[in-house]
Amino acid sequence: MNTPISHAARPWYREPWPWFLMSLPAAAVVAGLATVWIAARNADGLVVGDYYKAGLAINQTLARDEAARALDLQATLAAADGELTATLTGRIDTYPDTLGLTLAHPTRQGEDRTLTLVHAGKGRYRAALPMLHDGKWQLQLTDAAATWRLAGVLYTPLHQPARFTARAEPNPTFNNPGE
């Protein structure tokens, strides 16, 4: 006497394997949506919007660097008590009333800062020191008429004065805590 044993068929949603097999594509969809959200929230801006115009302007930039070399310009930046001071030296007859200082973050365009330094006498300039993230910044110092330019790399926080020159050799990086 063989009596058949009846197994009651369980519905599919009570089995573990269908859920396991569905979890793999579901995890890929969730990871893809998270990637899209991260990319949209942290979008990289264009460094230069019109590459052709930027290419044409390179000669003007080189002429400004050459003008700074002809004047043998040097600038020293220091930070203290929430104030940024710059000392400008060189063969300059009259000091400009203001200087423009651009601090460009190498990877995040939204972090760039432009400051106006006001002449305080004898080649010294002052401005309020903005909040800057620690790290590497591209620096550009120009007169108000943009006839000359000093450029270099600055590391923040600025614990010691940083010096920038218009010599023919490239400016070394200053205030690098890793050195």
C-alpha atoms as a PDB file:
ATOM      1  CA  MET A   1       0.000   0.000   0.000  1.00  0.00           C
ATOM      2  CA  ASN A   2       1.519   3.051  -1.256  1.00  0.00           C
ATOM      3  CA  THR A   3      -0.282   6.158  -0.386  1.00  0.00           C
ATOM      4  CA  PRO A   4       0.871   9.190  -2.295  1.00  0.00           C
ATOM      5  CA  ILE A   5       2.202  11.944  -0.130  1.00  0.00           C
ATOM      6  CA  SER A   6       0.788  15.190  -1.209  1.00  0.00           C
ATOM      7  CA  HIS A   7       2.926  18.269  -0.958  1.00  0.00           C
ATOM      8  CA  ALA A   8       0.945  21.372  -0.765  1.00  0.00           C
ATOM      9  CA  ALA A   9       2.277  23.754  -3.397  1.00  0.00           C
ATOM     10  CA  ARG A  10       3.398  27.006  -1.839  1.00  0.00           C
ATOM     11  CA  PRO A  11       2.779  30.234  -3.696  1.00  0.00           C
ATOM     12  CA  TRP A  12       5.834  31.665  -5.497  1.00  0.00           C
ATOM     13  CA  TYR A  13       6.147  34.662  -3.196  1.00  0.00           C
ATOM     14  CA  ARG A  14       6.768  32.350  -0.260  1.00  0.00           C
ATOM     15  CA  GLU A  15       9.810  30.818  -1.951  1.00  0.00           C
ATOM     16  CA  PRO A  16      13.257  32.413  -1.321  1.00  0.00           C
ATOM     17  CA  TRP A  17      14.743  31.927  -4.813  1.00  0.00           C
ATOM     18  CA  PRO A  18      12.462  34.269  -6.792  1.00  0.00           C
ATOM     19  CA  TRP A  19      13.147  37.037  -4.261  1.00  0.00           C
ATOM     20  CA  PHE A  20      16.872  36.444  -4.478  1.00  0.00           C
ATOM     21  CA  LEU A  21      16.799  36.542  -8.278  1.00  0.00           C
ATOM     22  CA  MET A  22      14.729  39.757  -8.286  1.00  0.00           C
ATOM     23  CA  SER A  23      16.986  41.447  -5.735  1.00  0.00           C
ATOM     24  CA  LEU A  24      19.992  41.516  -8.094  1.00  0.00           C
ATOM     25  CA  PRO A  25      18.398  43.688 -10.835  1.00  0.00           C
ATOM     26  CA  ALA A  26      16.646  45.789  -8.157  1.00  0.00           C
ATOM     27  CA  ALA A  27      20.014  46.525  -6.507  1.00  0.00           C
ATOM     28  CA  ALA A  28      21.430  47.573  -9.910  1.00  0.00           C
ATOM     29  CA  VAL A  29      18.491  49.956 -10.453  1.00  0.00           C
ATOM     30  CA  VAL A  30      18.941  51.509  -7.001  1.00  0.00           C
ATOM     31  CA  ALA A  31      22.713  51.911  -7.567  1.00  0.00           C
ATOM     32  CA  GLY A  32      22.065  53.509 -10.968  1.00  0.00           C
ATOM     33  CA  LEU A  33      19.596  56.001  -9.500  1.00  0.00           C
ATOM     34  CA  ALA A  34      22.057  56.841  -6.712  1.00  0.00           C
ATOM     35  CA  THR A  35      24.782  57.446  -9.317  1.00  0.00           C
ATOM     36  CA  VAL A  36      22.519  59.770 -11.324  1.00  0.00           C
ATOM     37  CA  TRP A  37      21.624  61.681  -8.153  1.00  0.00           C
ATOM     38  CA  ILE A  38      25.294  62.087  -7.148  1.00  0.00           C
ATOM     39  CA  ALA A  39      26.271  63.200 -10.667  1.00  0.00           C
ATOM     40  CA  ALA A  40      23.445  65.752 -10.851  1.00  0.00           C
ATOM     41  CA  ARG A  41      24.178  67.164  -7.408  1.00  0.00           C
ATOM     42  CA  ASN A  42      27.950  67.505  -7.964  1.00  0.00           C
ATOM     43  CA  ALA A  43      28.043  68.555 -11.605  1.00  0.00           C
ATOM     44  CA  ASP A  44      31.402  69.795 -12.850  1.00  0.00           C
ATOM     45  CA  GLY A  45      31.236  73.228 -14.428  1.00  0.00           C
ATOM     46  CA  LEU A  46      33.104  74.117 -17.555  1.00  0.00           C
ATOM     47  CA  VAL A  47      36.429  75.718 -16.811  1.00  0.00           C
ATOM     48  CA  VAL A  48      36.305  77.707 -20.044  1.00  0.00           C
ATOM     49  CA  GLY A  49      33.032  78.043 -21.896  1.00  0.00           C
ATOM     50  CA  ASP A  50      34.413  79.312 -25.210  1.00  0.00           C
ATOM     51  CA  TYR A  51      37.699  77.566 -25.966  1.00  0.00           C
ATOM     52  CA  TYR A  52      38.295  79.519 -29.167  1.00  0.00           C
ATOM     53  CA  LYS A  53      38.139  82.917 -27.451  1.00  0.00           C
ATOM     54  CA  ALA A  54      40.311  81.629 -24.625  1.00  0.00           C
ATOM     55  CA  GLY A  55      42.884  80.520 -27.191  1.00  0.00           C
ATOM     56  CA  LEU A  56      42.893  83.938 -28.821  1.00  0.00           C
ATOM     57  CA  ALA A  57      43.316  85.633 -25.435  1.00  0.00           C
ATOM     58  CA  ILE A  58      46.519  83.713 -24.621  1.00  0.00           C
ATOM     59  CA  ASN A  59      48.639  86.381 -26.351  1.00  0.00           C
ATOM     60  CA  GLN A  60      47.128  89.069 -24.119  1.00  0.00           C
ATOM     61  CA  THR A  61      47.911  86.951 -21.053  1.00  0.00           C
ATOM     62  CA  LEU A  62      51.499  86.426 -22.182  1.00  0.00           C
ATOM     63  CA  ALA A  63      51.867  90.173 -22.763  1.00  0.00           C
ATOM     64  CA  ARG A  64      50.633  90.849 -19.217  1.00  0.00           C
ATOM     65  CA  ASP A  65      53.179  88.363 -17.825  1.00  0.00           C
ATOM     66  CA  GLU A  66      55.919  90.055 -19.856  1.00  0.00           C
ATOM     67  CA  ALA A  67      54.859  93.484 -18.555  1.00  0.00           C
ATOM     68  CA  ALA A  68      55.162  92.179 -14.965  1.00  0.00           C
ATOM     69  CA  ARG A  69      58.641  90.822 -15.768  1.00  0.00           C
ATOM     70  CA  ALA A  70      59.688  94.182 -17.237  1.00  0.00           C
ATOM     71  CA  LEU A  71      58.604  95.880 -13.988  1.00  0.00           C
ATOM     72  CA  ASP A  72      60.323  93.127 -11.923  1.00  0.00           C
ATOM     73  CA  LEU A  73      57.167  92.804  -9.819  1.00  0.00           C
ATOM     74  CA  GLN A  74      57.018  90.736  -6.665  1.00  0.00           C
ATOM     75  CA  ALA A  75      54.137  90.261  -4.259  1.00  0.00           C
ATOM     76  CA  THR A  76      54.036  88.792  -0.776  1.00  0.00           C
ATOM     77  CA  LEU A  77      50.695  87.598   0.619  1.00  0.00           C
ATOM     78  CA  ALA A  78      50.054  87.100   4.315  1.00  0.00           C
ATOM     79  CA  ALA A  79      46.952  86.374   6.377  1.00  0.00           C
ATOM     80  CA  ALA A  80      46.301  87.525   9.922  1.00  0.00           C
ATOM     81  CA  ASP A  81      43.193  88.312  11.987  1.00  0.00           C
ATOM     82  CA  GLY A  82      40.767  87.684   9.116  1.00  0.00           C
ATOM     83  CA  GLU A  83      42.627  90.051   6.817  1.00  0.00           C
ATOM     84  CA  LEU A  84      44.673  89.345   3.710  1.00  0.00           C
ATOM     85  CA  THR A  85      47.593  91.693   3.109  1.00  0.00           C
ATOM     86  CA  ALA A  86      49.695  91.973  -0.018  1.00  0.00           C
ATOM     87  CA  THR A  87      52.967  93.817  -0.364  1.00  0.00           C
ATOM     88  CA  LEU A  88      53.869  94.782  -3.941  1.00  0.00           C
ATOM     89  CA  THR A  89      57.446  95.661  -4.899  1.00  0.00           C
ATOM     90  CA  GLY A  90      59.227  96.313  -8.154  1.00  0.00           C
ATOM     91  CA  ARG A  91      60.127  99.096 -10.543  1.00  0.00           C
ATOM     92  CA  ILE A  92      56.784 100.800 -10.286  1.00  0.00           C
ATOM     93  CA  ASP A  93      56.368 104.600 -10.287  1.00  0.00           C
ATOM     94  CA  THR A  94      52.898 104.886  -8.790  1.00  0.00           C
ATOM     95  CA  TYR A  95      51.034 102.148  -7.053  1.00  0.00           C
ATOM     96  CA  PRO A  96      47.516 101.416  -8.302  1.00  0.00           C
ATOM     97  CA  ASP A  97      44.629 102.257  -5.967  1.00  0.00           C
ATOM     98  CA  THR A  98      43.346  98.687  -6.130  1.00  0.00           C
ATOM     99  CA  LEU A  99      44.564  95.245  -7.139  1.00  0.00           C
ATOM    100  CA  GLY A 100      42.462  92.328  -8.285  1.00  0.00           C
ATOM    101  CA  LEU A 101      43.187  88.959  -6.707  1.00  0.00           C
ATOM    102  CA  THR A 102      41.621  85.843  -8.181  1.00  0.00           C
ATOM    103  CA  LEU A 103      41.806  82.591  -6.236  1.00  0.00           C
ATOM    104  CA  ALA A 104      40.666  79.775  -8.493  1.00  0.00           C
ATOM    105  CA  HIS A 105      40.005  76.302  -7.162  1.00  0.00           C
ATOM    106  CA  PRO A 106      41.594  73.757  -9.522  1.00  0.00           C
ATOM    107  CA  THR A 107      38.586  71.430  -9.652  1.00  0.00           C
ATOM    108  CA  ARG A 108      35.494  73.304  -8.468  1.00  0.00           C
ATOM    109  CA  GLN A 109      34.528  76.435 -10.344  1.00  0.00           C
ATOM    110  CA  GLY A 110      31.919  77.369  -7.748  1.00  0.00           C
ATOM    111  CA  GLU A 111      34.656  77.807  -5.111  1.00  0.00           C
ATOM    112  CA  ASP A 112      36.532  80.542  -7.049  1.00  0.00           C
ATOM    113  CA  ARG A 113      36.973  83.866  -5.259  1.00  0.00           C
ATOM    114  CA  THR A 114      37.741  87.336  -6.631  1.00  0.00           C
ATOM    115  CA  LEU A 115      38.952  89.952  -4.177  1.00  0.00           C
ATOM    116  CA  THR A 116      39.674  93.660  -4.505  1.00  0.00           C
ATOM    117  CA  LEU A 117      42.728  94.677  -2.519  1.00  0.00           C
ATOM    118  CA  VAL A 118      42.743  98.354  -1.499  1.00  0.00           C
ATOM    119  CA  HIS A 119      45.993 100.336  -1.355  1.00  0.00           C
ATOM    120  CA  ALA A 120      46.972 101.153   2.240  1.00  0.00           C
ATOM    121  CA  GLY A 121      50.198 103.038   1.410  1.00  0.00           C
ATOM    122  CA  LYS A 122      53.785 102.165   0.493  1.00  0.00           C
ATOM    123  CA  GLY A 123      52.883  99.216  -1.709  1.00  0.00           C
ATOM    124  CA  ARG A 124      50.708  97.509   0.901  1.00  0.00           C
ATOM    125  CA  TYR A 125      47.206  96.305   0.041  1.00  0.00           C
ATOM    126  CA  ARG A 126      44.441  94.890   2.225  1.00  0.00           C
ATOM    127  CA  ALA A 127      41.190  92.962   1.903  1.00  0.00           C
ATOM    128  CA  ALA A 128      38.955  90.848   4.112  1.00  0.00           C
ATOM    129  CA  LEU A 129      40.048  87.224   4.011  1.00  0.00           C
ATOM    130  CA  PRO A 130      37.211  84.998   2.739  1.00  0.00           C
ATOM    131  CA  MET A 131      36.614  81.487   3.974  1.00  0.00           C
ATOM    132  CA  LEU A 132      38.710  79.176   1.794  1.00  0.00           C
ATOM    133  CA  HIS A 133      38.833  75.408   1.809  1.00  0.00           C
ATOM    134  CA  ASP A 134      42.211  73.982   2.736  1.00  0.00           C
ATOM    135  CA  GLY A 135      44.225  72.950  -0.285  1.00  0.00           C
ATOM    136  CA  LYS A 136      45.655  74.149  -3.554  1.00  0.00           C
ATOM    137  CA  TRP A 137      44.510  77.382  -5.260  1.00  0.00           C
ATOM    138  CA  GLN A 138      45.565  79.038  -8.519  1.00  0.00           C
ATOM    139  CA  LEU A 139      46.394  82.673  -7.763  1.00  0.00           C
ATOM    140  CA  GLN A 140      46.330  85.622 -10.144  1.00  0.00           C
ATOM    141  CA  LEU A 141      47.146  89.182  -9.047  1.00  0.00           C
ATOM    142  CA  THR A 142      46.547  92.060 -11.480  1.00  0.00           C
ATOM    143  CA  ASP A 143      46.305  95.814 -11.456  1.00  0.00           C
ATOM    144  CA  ALA A 144      42.899  97.423 -12.053  1.00  0.00           C
ATOM    145  CA  ALA A 145      43.687  98.133 -15.727  1.00  0.00           C
ATOM    146  CA  ALA A 146      44.921  94.531 -16.258  1.00  0.00           C
ATOM    147  CA  THR A 147      48.216  95.700 -17.759  1.00  0.00           C
ATOM    148  CA  TRP A 148      50.307  93.179 -15.804  1.00  0.00           C
ATOM    149  CA  ARG A 149      49.744  89.883 -13.987  1.00  0.00           C
ATOM    150  CA  LEU A 150      51.429  87.780 -11.315  1.00  0.00           C
ATOM    151  CA  ALA A 151      50.382  84.141 -11.190  1.00  0.00           C
ATOM    152  CA  GLY A 152      51.221  81.162  -9.048  1.00  0.00           C
ATOM    153  CA  VAL A 153      49.973  78.416  -6.771  1.00  0.00           C
ATOM    154  CA  LEU A 154      48.918  79.042  -3.185  1.00  0.00           C
ATOM    155  CA  TYR A 155      48.222  76.452  -0.501  1.00  0.00           C
ATOM    156  CA  THR A 156      45.760  77.221   2.274  1.00  0.00           C
ATOM    157  CA  PRO A 157      45.542  77.653   5.173  1.00  0.00           C
ATOM    158  CA  LEU A 158      48.070  80.448   4.811  1.00  0.00           C
ATOM    159  CA  HIS A 159      50.246  79.999   7.916  1.00  0.00           C
ATOM    160  CA  GLN A 160      53.281  81.807   6.517  1.00  0.00           C
ATOM    161  CA  PRO A 161      53.693  84.547   3.898  1.00  0.00           C
ATOM    162  CA  ALA A 162      53.715  83.414   0.286  1.00  0.00           C
ATOM    163  CA  ARG A 163      55.835  85.207  -2.325  1.00  0.00           C
ATOM    164  CA  PHE A 164      55.087  85.474  -6.038  1.00  0.00           C
ATOM    165  CA  THR A 165      57.424  86.879  -8.661  1.00  0.00           C
ATOM    166  CA  ALA A 166      57.334  87.719 -12.337  1.00  0.00           C
ATOM    167  CA  ARG A 167      60.619  86.039 -13.169  1.00  0.00           C
ATOM    168  CA  ALA A 168      61.049  83.951 -16.306  1.00  0.00           C
ATOM    169  CA  GLU A 169      61.198  80.652 -14.412  1.00  0.00           C
ATOM    170  CA  PRO A 170      57.897  79.197 -13.220  1.00  0.00           C
ATOM    171  CA  ASN A 171      56.818  80.182  -9.730  1.00  0.00           C
ATOM    172  CA  PRO A 172      57.373  77.439  -7.188  1.00  0.00           C
ATOM    173  CA  THR A 173      54.514  76.495  -4.949  1.00  0.00           C
ATOM    174  CA  PHE A 174      54.623  78.053  -1.510  1.00  0.00           C
ATOM    175  CA  ASN A 175      53.112  77.175   1.812  1.00  0.00           C
ATOM    176  CA  ASN A 176      52.707  73.508   0.933  1.00  0.00           C
ATOM    177  CA  PRO A 177      52.273  71.659   4.208  1.00  0.00           C
ATOM    178  CA  GLY A 178      53.350  68.400   2.534  1.00  0.00           C
ATOM    179  CA  GLU A 179      56.883  69.632   1.819  1.00  0.00           C
END
